[in-house]
Amino acid sequence: MKTYMQQLISAAQDNNVSILKAFEQAKVPTSTYYRTIHGGDLRYSTARKVWDAINSNEKHLLRK
């Protein structure tokens, strides 16, 4: 089973957007991003905010 972060990374890659920019667009602290990529847990509600940012109509703001 994939973690929330693994799912977000896959979605970001599929949509050609920066995962870090998606966290910023979702107004999630970058410290949460860094903690998560280093093995920390991510809440569903936080993952959902980032997921929504990745799949928003404003993808041009998130391009790599």
PDB file of N, CA and C in Angstrom:
ATOM      1  N   MET A   1       0.843  -1.169   0.000  1.00  0.00           N
ATOM      2  CA  MET A   1       0.000   0.000   0.000  1.00  0.00           C
ATOM      3  C   MET A   1       0.897   1.245   0.000  1.00  0.00           C
ATOM      4  N   LYS A   2       0.554   2.206  -0.845  1.00  0.00           N
ATOM      5  CA  LYS A   2       1.315   3.443  -0.928  1.00  0.00           C
ATOM      6  C   LYS A   2       0.930   4.397   0.200  1.00  0.00           C
ATOM      7  N   THR A   3       1.932   5.130   0.703  1.00  0.00           N
ATOM      8  CA  THR A   3       1.651   6.158   1.702  1.00  0.00           C
ATOM      9  C   THR A   3       1.011   7.354   1.011  1.00  0.00           C
ATOM     10  N   TYR A   4       0.459   8.252   1.808  1.00  0.00           N
ATOM     11  CA  TYR A   4      -0.113   9.467   1.231  1.00  0.00           C
ATOM     12  C   TYR A   4       0.948  10.228   0.440  1.00  0.00           C
ATOM     13  N   MET A   5       2.156  10.318   0.989  1.00  0.00           N
ATOM     14  CA  MET A   5       3.218  11.068   0.313  1.00  0.00           C
ATOM     15  C   MET A   5       3.576  10.413  -1.015  1.00  0.00           C
ATOM     16  N   GLN A   6       3.667   9.097  -1.049  1.00  0.00           N
ATOM     17  CA  GLN A   6       3.974   8.409  -2.302  1.00  0.00           C
ATOM     18  C   GLN A   6       2.892   8.674  -3.342  1.00  0.00           C
ATOM     19  N   GLN A   7       1.646   8.702  -2.916  1.00  0.00           N
ATOM     20  CA  GLN A   7       0.547   8.991  -3.831  1.00  0.00           C
ATOM     21  C   GLN A   7       0.621  10.432  -4.345  1.00  0.00           C
ATOM     22  N   LEU A   8       0.978  11.363  -3.458  1.00  0.00           N
ATOM     23  CA  LEU A   8       1.101  12.758  -3.867  1.00  0.00           C
ATOM     24  C   LEU A   8       2.248  12.958  -4.850  1.00  0.00           C
ATOM     25  N   ILE A   9       3.363  12.291  -4.594  1.00  0.00           N
ATOM     26  CA  ILE A   9       4.509  12.389  -5.492  1.00  0.00           C
ATOM     27  C   ILE A   9       4.139  11.847  -6.868  1.00  0.00           C
ATOM     28  N   SER A  10       3.452  10.721  -6.914  1.00  0.00           N
ATOM     29  CA  SER A  10       3.019  10.149  -8.194  1.00  0.00           C
ATOM     30  C   SER A  10       2.082  11.087  -8.934  1.00  0.00           C
ATOM     31  N   ALA A  11       1.123  11.671  -8.204  1.00  0.00           N
ATOM     32  CA  ALA A  11       0.176  12.597  -8.828  1.00  0.00           C
ATOM     33  C   ALA A  11       0.892  13.835  -9.351  1.00  0.00           C
ATOM     34  N   ALA A  12       1.849  14.333  -8.600  1.00  0.00           N
ATOM     35  CA  ALA A  12       2.608  15.512  -9.034  1.00  0.00           C
ATOM     36  C   ALA A  12       3.404  15.204 -10.295  1.00  0.00           C
ATOM     37  N   GLN A  13       4.031  14.048 -10.331  1.00  0.00           N
ATOM     38  CA  GLN A  13       4.790  13.655 -11.517  1.00  0.00           C
ATOM     39  C   GLN A  13       3.869  13.491 -12.721  1.00  0.00           C
ATOM     40  N   ASP A  14       2.726  12.877 -12.525  1.00  0.00           N
ATOM     41  CA  ASP A  14       1.765  12.684 -13.620  1.00  0.00           C
ATOM     42  C   ASP A  14       1.257  14.009 -14.172  1.00  0.00           C
ATOM     43  N   ASN A  15       1.155  15.015 -13.294  1.00  0.00           N
ATOM     44  CA  ASN A  15       0.652  16.325 -13.704  1.00  0.00           C
ATOM     45  C   ASN A  15       1.774  17.321 -14.003  1.00  0.00           C
ATOM     46  N   ASN A  16       3.022  16.843 -13.931  1.00  0.00           N
ATOM     47  CA  ASN A  16       4.193  17.669 -14.222  1.00  0.00           C
ATOM     48  C   ASN A  16       4.224  18.938 -13.362  1.00  0.00           C
ATOM     49  N   VAL A  17       3.993  18.755 -12.053  1.00  0.00           N
ATOM     50  CA  VAL A  17       4.056  19.875 -11.130  1.00  0.00           C
ATOM     51  C   VAL A  17       5.039  19.560 -10.010  1.00  0.00           C
ATOM     52  N   SER A  18       5.513  20.607  -9.364  1.00  0.00           N
ATOM     53  CA  SER A  18       6.437  20.472  -8.250  1.00  0.00           C
ATOM     54  C   SER A  18       5.663  20.127  -6.982  1.00  0.00           C
ATOM     55  N   ILE A  19       6.060  19.063  -6.319  1.00  0.00           N
ATOM     56  CA  ILE A  19       5.380  18.658  -5.086  1.00  0.00           C
ATOM     57  C   ILE A  19       5.568  19.713  -4.000  1.00  0.00           C
ATOM     58  N   LEU A  20       6.751  20.317  -3.930  1.00  0.00           N
ATOM     59  CA  LEU A  20       6.999  21.362  -2.944  1.00  0.00           C
ATOM     60  C   LEU A  20       6.103  22.570  -3.215  1.00  0.00           C
ATOM     61  N   LYS A  21       5.960  22.960  -4.462  1.00  0.00           N
ATOM     62  CA  LYS A  21       5.079  24.079  -4.805  1.00  0.00           C
ATOM     63  C   LYS A  21       3.624  23.743  -4.507  1.00  0.00           C
ATOM     64  N   ALA A  22       3.258  22.485  -4.653  1.00  0.00           N
ATOM     65  CA  ALA A  22       1.893  22.065  -4.324  1.00  0.00           C
ATOM     66  C   ALA A  22       1.638  22.223  -2.827  1.00  0.00           C
ATOM     67  N   PHE A  23       2.612  21.877  -2.002  1.00  0.00           N
ATOM     68  CA  PHE A  23       2.479  22.074  -0.554  1.00  0.00           C
ATOM     69  C   PHE A  23       2.307  23.554  -0.252  1.00  0.00           C
ATOM     70  N   GLU A  24       3.117  24.394  -0.904  1.00  0.00           N
ATOM     71  CA  GLU A  24       3.027  25.831  -0.677  1.00  0.00           C
ATOM     72  C   GLU A  24       1.678  26.372  -1.134  1.00  0.00           C
ATOM     73  N   GLN A  25       1.210  25.953  -2.300  1.00  0.00           N
ATOM     74  CA  GLN A  25      -0.077  26.397  -2.834  1.00  0.00           C
ATOM     75  C   GLN A  25      -1.224  25.987  -1.911  1.00  0.00           C
ATOM     76  N   ALA A  26      -1.082  24.825  -1.274  1.00  0.00           N
ATOM     77  CA  ALA A  26      -2.111  24.320  -0.351  1.00  0.00           C
ATOM     78  C   ALA A  26      -2.018  24.982   1.020  1.00  0.00           C
ATOM     79  N   LYS A  27      -1.056  25.891   1.178  1.00  0.00           N
ATOM     80  CA  LYS A  27      -0.836  26.588   2.451  1.00  0.00           C
ATOM     81  C   LYS A  27      -0.453  25.625   3.578  1.00  0.00           C
ATOM     82  N   VAL A  28       0.290  24.587   3.202  1.00  0.00           N
ATOM     83  CA  VAL A  28       0.829  23.639   4.173  1.00  0.00           C
ATOM     84  C   VAL A  28       2.292  24.035   4.399  1.00  0.00           C
ATOM     85  N   PRO A  29       2.731  24.140   5.646  1.00  0.00           N
ATOM     86  CA  PRO A  29       4.103  24.563   5.909  1.00  0.00           C
ATOM     87  C   PRO A  29       5.135  23.663   5.219  1.00  0.00           C
ATOM     88  N   THR A  30       6.189  24.294   4.733  1.00  0.00           N
ATOM     89  CA  THR A  30       7.246  23.508   4.078  1.00  0.00           C
ATOM     90  C   THR A  30       7.907  22.561   5.068  1.00  0.00           C
ATOM     91  N   SER A  31       7.839  22.896   6.353  1.00  0.00           N
ATOM     92  CA  SER A  31       8.400  21.985   7.363  1.00  0.00           C
ATOM     93  C   SER A  31       7.655  20.649   7.352  1.00  0.00           C
ATOM     94  N   THR A  32       6.370  20.683   7.056  1.00  0.00           N
ATOM     95  CA  THR A  32       5.582  19.452   6.956  1.00  0.00           C
ATOM     96  C   THR A  32       6.063  18.633   5.766  1.00  0.00           C
ATOM     97  N   TYR A  33       6.335  19.308   4.661  1.00  0.00           N
ATOM     98  CA  TYR A  33       6.865  18.632   3.471  1.00  0.00           C
ATOM     99  C   TYR A  33       8.185  17.933   3.803  1.00  0.00           C
ATOM    100  N   TYR A  34       9.121  18.683   4.387  1.00  0.00           N
ATOM    101  CA  TYR A  34      10.434  18.105   4.681  1.00  0.00           C
ATOM    102  C   TYR A  34      10.358  16.985   5.718  1.00  0.00           C
ATOM    103  N   ARG A  35       9.510  17.150   6.734  1.00  0.00           N
ATOM    104  CA  ARG A  35       9.360  16.102   7.740  1.00  0.00           C
ATOM    105  C   ARG A  35       8.806  14.825   7.102  1.00  0.00           C
ATOM    106  N   THR A  36       7.864  15.002   6.186  1.00  0.00           N
ATOM    107  CA  THR A  36       7.234  13.855   5.545  1.00  0.00           C
ATOM    108  C   THR A  36       8.183  13.125   4.609  1.00  0.00           C
ATOM    109  N   ILE A  37       8.981  13.855   3.840  1.00  0.00           N
ATOM    110  CA  ILE A  37       9.897  13.171   2.920  1.00  0.00           C
ATOM    111  C   ILE A  37      11.013  12.449   3.665  1.00  0.00           C
ATOM    112  N   HIS A  38      11.210  12.811   4.930  1.00  0.00           N
ATOM    113  CA  HIS A  38      12.223  12.135   5.740  1.00  0.00           C
ATOM    114  C   HIS A  38      11.617  11.090   6.668  1.00  0.00           C
ATOM    115  N   GLY A  39      10.405  10.624   6.325  1.00  0.00           N
ATOM    116  CA  GLY A  39       9.835   9.496   7.047  1.00  0.00           C
ATOM    117  C   GLY A  39       8.698   9.809   7.985  1.00  0.00           C
ATOM    118  N   GLY A  40       8.338  11.071   8.139  1.00  0.00           N
ATOM    119  CA  GLY A  40       7.225  11.423   9.019  1.00  0.00           C
ATOM    120  C   GLY A  40       5.886  11.060   8.398  1.00  0.00           C
ATOM    121  N   ASP A  41       4.873  11.031   9.235  1.00  0.00           N
ATOM    122  CA  ASP A  41       3.521  10.717   8.767  1.00  0.00           C
ATOM    123  C   ASP A  41       2.828  11.971   8.266  1.00  0.00           C
ATOM    124  N   LEU A  42       1.864  11.773   7.393  1.00  0.00           N
ATOM    125  CA  LEU A  42       1.085  12.864   6.839  1.00  0.00           C
ATOM    126  C   LEU A  42      -0.382  12.554   7.107  1.00  0.00           C
ATOM    127  N   ARG A  43      -1.092  13.496   7.690  1.00  0.00           N
ATOM    128  CA  ARG A  43      -2.519  13.299   7.955  1.00  0.00           C
ATOM    129  C   ARG A  43      -3.294  13.284   6.644  1.00  0.00           C
ATOM    130  N   TYR A  44      -4.432  12.614   6.684  1.00  0.00           N
ATOM    131  CA  TYR A  44      -5.287  12.567   5.500  1.00  0.00           C
ATOM    132  C   TYR A  44      -5.720  13.972   5.099  1.00  0.00           C
ATOM    133  N   SER A  45      -6.116  14.784   6.069  1.00  0.00           N
ATOM    134  CA  SER A  45      -6.612  16.130   5.760  1.00  0.00           C
ATOM    135  C   SER A  45      -5.532  16.980   5.097  1.00  0.00           C
ATOM    136  N   THR A  46      -4.292  16.820   5.518  1.00  0.00           N
ATOM    137  CA  THR A  46      -3.188  17.555   4.913  1.00  0.00           C
ATOM    138  C   THR A  46      -2.915  17.034   3.515  1.00  0.00           C
ATOM    139  N   ALA A  47      -2.898  15.723   3.365  1.00  0.00           N
ATOM    140  CA  ALA A  47      -2.672  15.117   2.056  1.00  0.00           C
ATOM    141  C   ALA A  47      -3.758  15.558   1.082  1.00  0.00           C
ATOM    142  N   ARG A  48      -4.977  15.670   1.557  1.00  0.00           N
ATOM    143  CA  ARG A  48      -6.096  16.076   0.696  1.00  0.00           C
ATOM    144  C   ARG A  48      -5.918  17.509   0.185  1.00  0.00           C
ATOM    145  N   LYS A  49      -5.427  18.408   1.053  1.00  0.00           N
ATOM    146  CA  LYS A  49      -5.177  19.788   0.639  1.00  0.00           C
ATOM    147  C   LYS A  49      -4.149  19.832  -0.493  1.00  0.00           C
ATOM    148  N   VAL A  50      -3.084  19.061  -0.329  1.00  0.00           N
ATOM    149  CA  VAL A  50      -2.026  19.036  -1.342  1.00  0.00           C
ATOM    150  C   VAL A  50      -2.550  18.382  -2.621  1.00  0.00           C
ATOM    151  N   TRP A  51      -3.316  17.308  -2.472  1.00  0.00           N
ATOM    152  CA  TRP A  51      -3.923  16.629  -3.622  1.00  0.00           C
ATOM    153  C   TRP A  51      -4.783  17.608  -4.423  1.00  0.00           C
ATOM    154  N   ASP A  52      -5.581  18.384  -3.712  1.00  0.00           N
ATOM    155  CA  ASP A  52      -6.441  19.366  -4.372  1.00  0.00           C
ATOM    156  C   ASP A  52      -5.608  20.421  -5.098  1.00  0.00           C
ATOM    157  N   ALA A  53      -4.494  20.833  -4.508  1.00  0.00           N
ATOM    158  CA  ALA A  53      -3.618  21.811  -5.155  1.00  0.00           C
ATOM    159  C   ALA A  53      -3.009  21.222  -6.430  1.00  0.00           C
ATOM    160  N   ILE A  54      -2.604  19.964  -6.377  1.00  0.00           N
ATOM    161  CA  ILE A  54      -2.010  19.309  -7.546  1.00  0.00           C
ATOM    162  C   ILE A  54      -3.026  19.216  -8.672  1.00  0.00           C
ATOM    163  N   ASN A  55      -4.260  18.958  -8.334  1.00  0.00           N
ATOM    164  CA  ASN A  55      -5.300  18.764  -9.336  1.00  0.00           C
ATOM    165  C   ASN A  55      -6.143  20.004  -9.603  1.00  0.00           C
ATOM    166  N   SER A  56      -5.686  21.152  -9.129  1.00  0.00           N
ATOM    167  CA  SER A  56      -6.454  22.383  -9.321  1.00  0.00           C
ATOM    168  C   SER A  56      -6.340  22.885 -10.758  1.00  0.00           C
ATOM    169  N   ASN A  57      -7.138  23.868 -11.064  1.00  0.00           N
ATOM    170  CA  ASN A  57      -7.089  24.495 -12.381  1.00  0.00           C
ATOM    171  C   ASN A  57      -5.917  25.454 -12.509  1.00  0.00           C
ATOM    172  N   GLU A  58      -5.179  25.661 -11.424  1.00  0.00           N
ATOM    173  CA  GLU A  58      -4.048  26.593 -11.412  1.00  0.00           C
ATOM    174  C   GLU A  58      -2.712  25.861 -11.504  1.00  0.00           C
ATOM    175  N   LYS A  59      -2.665  24.794 -12.267  1.00  0.00           N
ATOM    176  CA  LYS A  59      -1.440  23.997 -12.393  1.00  0.00           C
ATOM    177  C   LYS A  59      -0.279  24.817 -12.925  1.00  0.00           C
ATOM    178  N   HIS A  60      -0.565  25.853 -13.703  1.00  0.00           N
ATOM    179  CA  HIS A  60       0.510  26.674 -14.258  1.00  0.00           C
ATOM    180  C   HIS A  60       1.350  27.308 -13.161  1.00  0.00           C
ATOM    181  N   LEU A  61       0.780  27.493 -11.969  1.00  0.00           N
ATOM    182  CA  LEU A  61       1.519  28.059 -10.851  1.00  0.00           C
ATOM    183  C   LEU A  61       2.459  27.046 -10.204  1.00  0.00           C
ATOM    184  N   LEU A  62       2.246  25.777 -10.484  1.00  0.00           N
ATOM    185  CA  LEU A  62       2.990  24.707  -9.825  1.00  0.00           C
ATOM    186  C   LEU A  62       4.050  24.064 -10.707  1.00  0.00           C
ATOM    187  N   ARG A  63       4.170  24.517 -11.938  1.00  0.00           N
ATOM    188  CA  ARG A  63       5.110  23.871 -12.860  1.00  0.00           C
ATOM    189  C   ARG A  63       6.514  23.854 -12.301  1.00  0.00           C
ATOM    190  N   LYS A  64       7.226  22.801 -12.655  1.00  0.00           N
ATOM    191  CA  LYS A  64       8.606  22.620 -12.196  1.00  0.00           C
ATOM    192  C   LYS A  64       9.514  23.674 -12.768  1.00  0.00           C
TER     193      LYS A  64
END
